[in-house]
């Protein structure tokens, strides 16, 4: 049997990647920007090889993975019980639902800005205002209140 040859779309993808890398190298060596912002591919490859060999790449990747897993564990330890309680008790749902909706609506960059400029206490004060406003608004218009699945 003959081995299957790669398709045309595969070769077009490779050609596009090679073209992108070639354009990067030309732009990096053009001098339009400092090489600190757009280093040539040869320097990127040298540094990547060096940090792979000295182990710092793997060490930092392991630290990053540990942080991601710790955040996931913390989110599960808090989020799953809160979700179960929200499904079981309407008062818990009324407390957390506006807060959750506010967190979804607020981008991470805005949340980061609020934490760095106002501290956690200021952030909680703002979310309490949003939560209270949401509870009062829902009380005024009960026909639009989300009831969930019970």
N, C-alpha and C. Protein backbone atom coordinates (compact mmCIF):
# COMPACT_ATOMS: atom_id res chain seq x y z
N UNK A 1 0.83 -1.19 0.00
CA UNK A 1 0.00 0.00 0.00
C UNK A 1 0.86 1.24 0.00
N UNK A 2 0.38 2.23 -0.67
CA UNK A 2 1.08 3.50 -0.70
C UNK A 2 0.73 4.31 0.53
N UNK A 3 1.72 5.04 1.02
CA UNK A 3 1.45 5.95 2.12
C UNK A 3 0.70 7.16 1.59
N UNK A 4 -0.25 7.62 2.36
CA UNK A 4 -1.05 8.77 1.94
C UNK A 4 -0.20 10.03 1.98
N UNK A 5 -0.26 10.80 0.91
CA UNK A 5 0.47 12.06 0.85
C UNK A 5 -0.35 13.14 1.54
N UNK A 6 0.35 14.10 2.15
CA UNK A 6 -0.40 15.21 2.78
C UNK A 6 -1.22 15.96 1.74
N UNK A 7 -2.35 16.45 2.16
CA UNK A 7 -3.26 17.13 1.23
C UNK A 7 -2.74 18.52 0.88
N UNK A 8 -3.41 19.11 -0.11
CA UNK A 8 -3.03 20.46 -0.54
C UNK A 8 -3.22 21.47 0.58
N UNK A 9 -4.28 21.31 1.37
CA UNK A 9 -4.53 22.28 2.44
C UNK A 9 -3.42 22.22 3.50
N UNK A 10 -2.85 21.04 3.71
CA UNK A 10 -1.73 20.92 4.63
C UNK A 10 -0.54 21.74 4.13
N UNK A 11 -0.23 21.62 2.86
CA UNK A 11 0.91 22.35 2.31
C UNK A 11 0.64 23.86 2.26
N UNK A 12 -0.62 24.23 2.00
CA UNK A 12 -0.95 25.66 2.06
C UNK A 12 -0.78 26.20 3.47
N UNK A 13 -1.14 25.42 4.46
CA UNK A 13 -0.96 25.83 5.85
C UNK A 13 0.51 25.99 6.20
N UNK A 14 1.35 25.05 5.74
CA UNK A 14 2.79 25.14 5.98
C UNK A 14 3.36 26.37 5.27
N UNK A 15 2.91 26.61 4.03
CA UNK A 15 3.40 27.78 3.29
C UNK A 15 2.99 29.07 3.99
N UNK A 16 1.79 29.13 4.51
CA UNK A 16 1.34 30.31 5.24
C UNK A 16 2.17 30.55 6.50
N UNK A 17 2.49 29.48 7.21
CA UNK A 17 3.32 29.60 8.41
C UNK A 17 4.73 30.05 8.07
N UNK A 18 5.31 29.49 7.02
CA UNK A 18 6.65 29.90 6.58
C UNK A 18 6.64 31.37 6.15
N UNK A 19 5.60 31.77 5.44
CA UNK A 19 5.49 33.17 5.02
C UNK A 19 5.38 34.10 6.24
N UNK A 20 4.60 33.71 7.23
CA UNK A 20 4.46 34.51 8.44
C UNK A 20 5.81 34.64 9.16
N UNK A 21 6.54 33.54 9.28
CA UNK A 21 7.85 33.58 9.93
C UNK A 21 8.84 34.43 9.14
N UNK A 22 8.79 34.34 7.83
CA UNK A 22 9.67 35.15 6.98
C UNK A 22 9.35 36.64 7.13
N UNK A 23 8.06 36.99 7.14
CA UNK A 23 7.66 38.38 7.34
C UNK A 23 8.09 38.89 8.72
N UNK A 24 7.98 38.04 9.74
CA UNK A 24 8.42 38.43 11.08
C UNK A 24 9.92 38.75 11.07
N UNK A 25 10.69 37.88 10.46
CA UNK A 25 12.14 38.08 10.43
C UNK A 25 12.49 39.37 9.68
N UNK A 26 11.85 39.60 8.54
CA UNK A 26 12.11 40.82 7.79
C UNK A 26 11.72 42.06 8.59
N UNK A 27 10.59 42.02 9.25
CA UNK A 27 10.15 43.16 10.06
C UNK A 27 11.09 43.39 11.25
N UNK A 28 11.52 42.30 11.88
CA UNK A 28 12.40 42.43 13.04
C UNK A 28 13.75 43.03 12.65
N UNK A 29 14.24 42.68 11.48
CA UNK A 29 15.55 43.18 11.06
C UNK A 29 15.45 44.53 10.31
N UNK A 30 14.23 45.00 10.07
CA UNK A 30 14.08 46.27 9.34
C UNK A 30 14.47 47.48 10.18
N UNK A 31 14.40 47.36 11.48
CA UNK A 31 14.76 48.47 12.35
C UNK A 31 13.62 49.44 12.60
N UNK A 32 12.40 49.09 12.18
CA UNK A 32 11.25 49.97 12.44
C UNK A 32 10.94 50.06 13.93
N UNK A 33 11.13 48.97 14.63
CA UNK A 33 10.95 48.93 16.07
C UNK A 33 12.22 48.38 16.70
N UNK A 34 12.38 48.65 17.98
CA UNK A 34 13.52 48.11 18.67
C UNK A 34 13.42 46.58 18.74
N UNK A 35 14.56 45.93 18.77
CA UNK A 35 14.55 44.46 18.80
C UNK A 35 14.06 43.91 20.13
N UNK A 36 13.92 44.78 21.13
CA UNK A 36 13.32 44.33 22.38
C UNK A 36 11.83 44.04 22.19
N UNK A 37 11.18 44.75 21.26
CA UNK A 37 9.76 44.52 20.98
C UNK A 37 9.55 43.45 19.93
N UNK A 38 10.39 43.43 18.91
CA UNK A 38 10.26 42.43 17.84
C UNK A 38 11.62 41.79 17.59
N UNK A 39 12.00 40.82 18.43
CA UNK A 39 13.31 40.19 18.23
C UNK A 39 13.30 39.29 17.00
N UNK A 40 14.45 39.13 16.37
CA UNK A 40 14.52 38.21 15.23
C UNK A 40 14.31 36.77 15.69
N UNK A 41 13.87 35.94 14.76
CA UNK A 41 13.58 34.55 15.08
C UNK A 41 14.82 33.80 15.56
N UNK A 42 15.98 34.19 15.07
CA UNK A 42 17.20 33.51 15.50
C UNK A 42 17.44 33.73 17.00
N UNK A 43 17.18 34.94 17.47
CA UNK A 43 17.35 35.20 18.91
C UNK A 43 16.29 34.46 19.73
N UNK A 44 15.06 34.44 19.22
CA UNK A 44 13.99 33.71 19.91
C UNK A 44 14.36 32.24 20.03
N UNK A 45 14.85 31.65 18.94
CA UNK A 45 15.22 30.24 18.95
C UNK A 45 16.38 29.98 19.91
N UNK A 46 17.38 30.87 19.93
CA UNK A 46 18.51 30.70 20.86
C UNK A 46 18.06 30.73 22.31
N UNK A 47 17.23 31.71 22.64
CA UNK A 47 16.77 31.84 24.03
C UNK A 47 15.87 30.66 24.39
N UNK A 48 14.99 30.26 23.48
CA UNK A 48 14.11 29.12 23.75
C UNK A 48 14.93 27.85 24.00
N UNK A 49 15.94 27.62 23.20
CA UNK A 49 16.80 26.44 23.37
C UNK A 49 17.55 26.51 24.69
N UNK A 50 18.06 27.70 25.04
CA UNK A 50 18.82 27.85 26.29
C UNK A 50 17.95 27.59 27.52
N UNK A 51 16.73 28.17 27.54
CA UNK A 51 15.90 27.98 28.73
C UNK A 51 15.31 26.57 28.78
N UNK A 52 15.23 25.90 27.64
CA UNK A 52 14.82 24.50 27.65
C UNK A 52 15.93 23.63 28.24
N UNK A 53 17.18 23.90 27.84
CA UNK A 53 18.30 23.10 28.33
C UNK A 53 18.61 23.33 29.80
N UNK A 54 18.49 24.58 30.27
CA UNK A 54 18.84 24.83 31.68
C UNK A 54 17.69 24.49 32.63
N UNK A 55 16.54 24.09 32.12
CA UNK A 55 15.44 23.63 32.95
C UNK A 55 14.50 24.72 33.43
N UNK A 56 14.82 25.98 33.17
CA UNK A 56 13.96 27.04 33.68
C UNK A 56 12.60 27.06 32.97
N UNK A 57 12.54 26.65 31.72
CA UNK A 57 11.26 26.62 31.01
C UNK A 57 10.33 25.60 31.65
N UNK A 58 10.84 24.41 31.92
CA UNK A 58 10.00 23.38 32.52
C UNK A 58 9.62 23.73 33.95
N UNK A 59 10.56 24.35 34.69
CA UNK A 59 10.27 24.74 36.07
C UNK A 59 9.16 25.80 36.09
N UNK A 60 9.27 26.80 35.24
CA UNK A 60 8.25 27.84 35.20
C UNK A 60 6.92 27.32 34.67
N UNK A 61 6.96 26.40 33.73
CA UNK A 61 5.73 25.79 33.24
C UNK A 61 5.06 24.98 34.35
N UNK A 62 5.86 24.30 35.18
CA UNK A 62 5.29 23.54 36.30
C UNK A 62 4.66 24.48 37.33
N UNK A 63 5.32 25.61 37.63
CA UNK A 63 4.74 26.59 38.56
C UNK A 63 3.42 27.13 38.01
N UNK A 64 3.39 27.44 36.73
CA UNK A 64 2.17 27.96 36.12
C UNK A 64 1.05 26.93 36.18
N UNK A 65 1.37 25.69 35.87
CA UNK A 65 0.37 24.63 35.92
C UNK A 65 -0.14 24.44 37.34
N UNK A 66 0.76 24.53 38.34
CA UNK A 66 0.34 24.40 39.74
C UNK A 66 -0.61 25.53 40.12
N UNK A 67 -0.33 26.75 39.67
CA UNK A 67 -1.22 27.87 39.96
C UNK A 67 -2.59 27.69 39.31
N UNK A 68 -2.59 27.23 38.07
CA UNK A 68 -3.85 27.00 37.38
C UNK A 68 -4.67 25.94 38.10
N UNK A 69 -4.02 24.85 38.48
CA UNK A 69 -4.73 23.77 39.18
C UNK A 69 -5.20 24.21 40.56
N UNK A 70 -4.41 25.04 41.26
CA UNK A 70 -4.84 25.56 42.56
C UNK A 70 -6.06 26.46 42.39
N UNK A 71 -6.06 27.29 41.36
CA UNK A 71 -7.22 28.14 41.10
C UNK A 71 -8.45 27.32 40.75
N UNK A 72 -8.27 26.27 39.96
CA UNK A 72 -9.38 25.40 39.61
C UNK A 72 -9.92 24.69 40.85
N UNK A 73 -9.03 24.21 41.71
CA UNK A 73 -9.44 23.54 42.94
C UNK A 73 -10.21 24.50 43.84
N UNK A 74 -9.69 25.71 44.00
CA UNK A 74 -10.38 26.71 44.82
C UNK A 74 -11.75 27.05 44.24
N UNK A 75 -11.81 27.20 42.92
CA UNK A 75 -13.10 27.50 42.28
C UNK A 75 -14.09 26.37 42.50
N UNK A 76 -13.62 25.13 42.42
CA UNK A 76 -14.51 23.99 42.64
C UNK A 76 -14.94 23.90 44.10
N UNK A 77 -14.00 24.13 45.02
CA UNK A 77 -14.33 24.05 46.45
C UNK A 77 -15.34 25.11 46.86
N UNK A 78 -15.32 26.26 46.20
CA UNK A 78 -16.27 27.33 46.53
C UNK A 78 -17.50 27.24 45.63
N UNK A 79 -17.29 27.07 44.34
CA UNK A 79 -18.38 27.17 43.39
C UNK A 79 -19.39 26.03 43.45
N UNK A 80 -18.93 24.82 43.64
CA UNK A 80 -19.87 23.69 43.65
C UNK A 80 -20.80 23.76 44.86
N UNK A 81 -20.28 23.96 46.08
CA UNK A 81 -21.22 24.09 47.20
C UNK A 81 -22.17 25.29 47.07
N UNK A 82 -21.65 26.43 46.58
CA UNK A 82 -22.52 27.60 46.41
C UNK A 82 -23.60 27.28 45.37
N UNK A 83 -23.25 26.62 44.30
CA UNK A 83 -24.24 26.25 43.28
C UNK A 83 -25.29 25.29 43.82
N UNK A 84 -24.86 24.33 44.62
CA UNK A 84 -25.82 23.39 45.23
C UNK A 84 -26.75 24.14 46.18
N UNK A 85 -26.18 25.02 47.00
CA UNK A 85 -27.00 25.80 47.93
C UNK A 85 -27.95 26.73 47.19
N UNK A 86 -27.50 27.32 46.08
CA UNK A 86 -28.38 28.18 45.28
C UNK A 86 -29.53 27.37 44.70
N UNK A 87 -29.27 26.14 44.31
CA UNK A 87 -30.33 25.31 43.77
C UNK A 87 -31.30 24.83 44.83
N UNK A 88 -30.84 24.75 46.06
CA UNK A 88 -31.67 24.22 47.15
C UNK A 88 -32.44 25.31 47.90
N UNK A 89 -31.81 26.46 48.14
CA UNK A 89 -32.43 27.49 48.97
C UNK A 89 -32.58 28.79 48.17
N UNK A 90 -33.80 29.27 48.10
CA UNK A 90 -34.09 30.47 47.34
C UNK A 90 -33.38 31.70 47.93
N UNK A 91 -33.22 31.78 49.23
CA UNK A 91 -32.56 32.94 49.85
C UNK A 91 -31.09 33.00 49.43
N UNK A 92 -30.43 31.85 49.36
CA UNK A 92 -29.04 31.81 48.92
C UNK A 92 -28.96 32.22 47.45
N UNK A 93 -29.91 31.76 46.66
CA UNK A 93 -29.96 32.13 45.25
C UNK A 93 -30.16 33.64 45.10
N UNK A 94 -31.06 34.21 45.89
CA UNK A 94 -31.30 35.65 45.82
C UNK A 94 -30.08 36.45 46.21
N UNK A 95 -29.28 35.91 47.11
CA UNK A 95 -28.07 36.62 47.52
C UNK A 95 -26.98 36.55 46.45
N UNK A 96 -26.73 35.36 45.92
CA UNK A 96 -25.59 35.16 45.03
C UNK A 96 -25.87 35.45 43.56
N UNK A 97 -27.10 35.35 43.11
CA UNK A 97 -27.38 35.52 41.69
C UNK A 97 -27.01 36.91 41.17
N UNK A 98 -27.42 38.01 41.82
CA UNK A 98 -27.00 39.33 41.32
C UNK A 98 -25.48 39.51 41.37
N UNK A 99 -24.86 38.96 42.40
CA UNK A 99 -23.41 39.05 42.51
C UNK A 99 -22.74 38.31 41.36
N UNK A 100 -23.25 37.12 41.06
CA UNK A 100 -22.71 36.35 39.95
C UNK A 100 -22.92 37.03 38.62
N UNK A 101 -24.10 37.62 38.43
CA UNK A 101 -24.37 38.34 37.19
C UNK A 101 -23.47 39.57 37.05
N UNK A 102 -23.21 40.24 38.18
CA UNK A 102 -22.32 41.40 38.14
C UNK A 102 -20.90 40.97 37.79
N UNK A 103 -20.46 39.83 38.35
CA UNK A 103 -19.11 39.35 38.05
C UNK A 103 -18.97 38.95 36.59
N UNK A 104 -20.02 38.39 36.02
CA UNK A 104 -19.98 38.02 34.61
C UNK A 104 -19.92 39.27 33.74
N UNK A 105 -20.67 40.30 34.14
CA UNK A 105 -20.73 41.52 33.33
C UNK A 105 -19.45 42.34 33.44
N UNK A 106 -18.76 42.25 34.56
CA UNK A 106 -17.55 43.04 34.77
C UNK A 106 -16.37 42.27 34.18
N UNK A 107 -15.64 42.91 33.30
CA UNK A 107 -14.48 42.27 32.71
C UNK A 107 -13.36 42.11 33.73
N UNK A 108 -12.46 41.18 33.47
CA UNK A 108 -11.35 40.95 34.39
C UNK A 108 -10.46 42.17 34.52
N UNK A 109 -10.30 42.92 33.43
CA UNK A 109 -9.46 44.11 33.52
C UNK A 109 -10.05 45.14 34.46
N UNK A 110 -11.39 45.28 34.43
CA UNK A 110 -12.05 46.22 35.34
C UNK A 110 -11.94 45.73 36.77
N UNK A 111 -12.13 44.43 36.97
CA UNK A 111 -12.00 43.86 38.31
C UNK A 111 -10.58 44.05 38.84
N UNK A 112 -9.57 43.83 38.00
CA UNK A 112 -8.18 44.03 38.41
C UNK A 112 -7.94 45.49 38.78
N UNK A 113 -8.47 46.40 37.98
CA UNK A 113 -8.33 47.83 38.27
C UNK A 113 -8.96 48.17 39.61
N UNK A 114 -10.15 47.64 39.85
CA UNK A 114 -10.83 47.93 41.12
C UNK A 114 -10.05 47.40 42.31
N UNK A 115 -9.51 46.19 42.19
CA UNK A 115 -8.75 45.61 43.30
C UNK A 115 -7.48 46.41 43.55
N UNK A 116 -6.79 46.80 42.50
CA UNK A 116 -5.52 47.50 42.69
C UNK A 116 -5.73 48.93 43.18
N UNK A 117 -6.84 49.57 42.83
CA UNK A 117 -7.04 50.95 43.22
C UNK A 117 -7.88 51.13 44.48
N UNK A 118 -8.83 50.24 44.72
CA UNK A 118 -9.73 50.40 45.86
C UNK A 118 -9.53 49.33 46.93
N UNK A 119 -8.77 48.29 46.62
CA UNK A 119 -8.61 47.20 47.58
C UNK A 119 -9.83 46.30 47.56
N UNK A 120 -9.71 45.17 48.24
CA UNK A 120 -10.80 44.20 48.24
C UNK A 120 -12.04 44.75 48.94
N UNK A 121 -11.83 45.55 49.99
CA UNK A 121 -12.99 46.11 50.71
C UNK A 121 -13.81 47.01 49.78
N UNK A 122 -13.15 47.84 49.00
CA UNK A 122 -13.86 48.69 48.06
C UNK A 122 -14.60 47.89 47.00
N UNK A 123 -14.00 46.81 46.54
CA UNK A 123 -14.65 45.97 45.54
C UNK A 123 -15.90 45.34 46.13
N UNK A 124 -15.80 44.82 47.38
CA UNK A 124 -16.98 44.23 48.01
C UNK A 124 -18.06 45.27 48.26
N UNK A 125 -17.67 46.51 48.61
CA UNK A 125 -18.66 47.57 48.79
C UNK A 125 -19.41 47.83 47.49
N UNK A 126 -18.67 47.88 46.37
CA UNK A 126 -19.32 48.10 45.08
C UNK A 126 -20.27 46.96 44.72
N UNK A 127 -19.84 45.72 44.95
CA UNK A 127 -20.70 44.58 44.63
C UNK A 127 -21.91 44.51 45.55
N UNK A 128 -21.77 44.96 46.80
CA UNK A 128 -22.94 45.02 47.69
C UNK A 128 -23.95 46.02 47.17
N UNK A 129 -23.47 47.15 46.65
CA UNK A 129 -24.39 48.14 46.06
C UNK A 129 -25.10 47.53 44.86
N UNK A 130 -24.34 46.84 44.00
CA UNK A 130 -24.94 46.20 42.83
C UNK A 130 -25.92 45.12 43.26
N UNK A 131 -25.54 44.32 44.26
CA UNK A 131 -26.41 43.24 44.74
C UNK A 131 -27.70 43.82 45.30
N UNK A 132 -27.57 44.85 46.15
CA UNK A 132 -28.76 45.44 46.75
C UNK A 132 -29.66 46.06 45.69
N UNK A 133 -29.08 46.73 44.71
CA UNK A 133 -29.87 47.32 43.64
C UNK A 133 -30.59 46.23 42.85
N UNK A 134 -29.90 45.12 42.61
CA UNK A 134 -30.52 44.01 41.88
C UNK A 134 -31.66 43.39 42.65
N UNK A 135 -31.51 43.24 43.97
CA UNK A 135 -32.57 42.66 44.79
C UNK A 135 -33.78 43.58 44.78
N UNK A 136 -33.56 44.90 44.92
CA UNK A 136 -34.68 45.83 44.93
C UNK A 136 -35.36 45.87 43.57
N UNK A 137 -34.57 45.83 42.52
CA UNK A 137 -35.17 45.85 41.19
C UNK A 137 -36.01 44.60 40.96
N UNK A 138 -35.53 43.45 41.42
CA UNK A 138 -36.30 42.22 41.24
C UNK A 138 -37.58 42.26 42.07
N UNK A 139 -37.52 42.89 43.25
CA UNK A 139 -38.71 42.98 44.09
C UNK A 139 -39.75 43.88 43.44
N UNK A 140 -39.32 44.91 42.72
CA UNK A 140 -40.25 45.82 42.07
C UNK A 140 -40.90 45.20 40.84
N UNK A 141 -40.20 44.31 40.17
CA UNK A 141 -40.74 43.69 38.95
C UNK A 141 -40.70 42.18 39.08
N UNK A 142 -41.59 41.59 39.86
CA UNK A 142 -41.52 40.14 40.07
C UNK A 142 -41.79 39.32 38.81
N UNK A 143 -42.48 39.90 37.82
CA UNK A 143 -42.78 39.13 36.62
C UNK A 143 -41.53 38.86 35.79
N UNK A 144 -40.44 39.61 35.98
CA UNK A 144 -39.23 39.39 35.20
C UNK A 144 -38.17 38.64 36.00
N UNK A 145 -38.49 38.24 37.20
CA UNK A 145 -37.51 37.58 38.05
C UNK A 145 -37.22 36.17 37.55
N UNK A 146 -35.96 35.82 37.54
CA UNK A 146 -35.58 34.49 37.11
C UNK A 146 -35.95 33.50 38.20
N UNK A 147 -36.61 32.44 37.84
CA UNK A 147 -37.08 31.48 38.83
C UNK A 147 -36.20 30.23 38.89
N UNK A 148 -35.42 29.99 37.88
CA UNK A 148 -34.56 28.81 37.89
C UNK A 148 -35.36 27.54 37.65
N UNK A 149 -34.67 26.42 37.71
CA UNK A 149 -35.33 25.12 37.55
C UNK A 149 -35.41 24.47 38.91
N UNK A 150 -36.56 24.17 39.33
CA UNK A 150 -36.76 23.50 40.64
C UNK A 150 -37.39 22.15 40.41
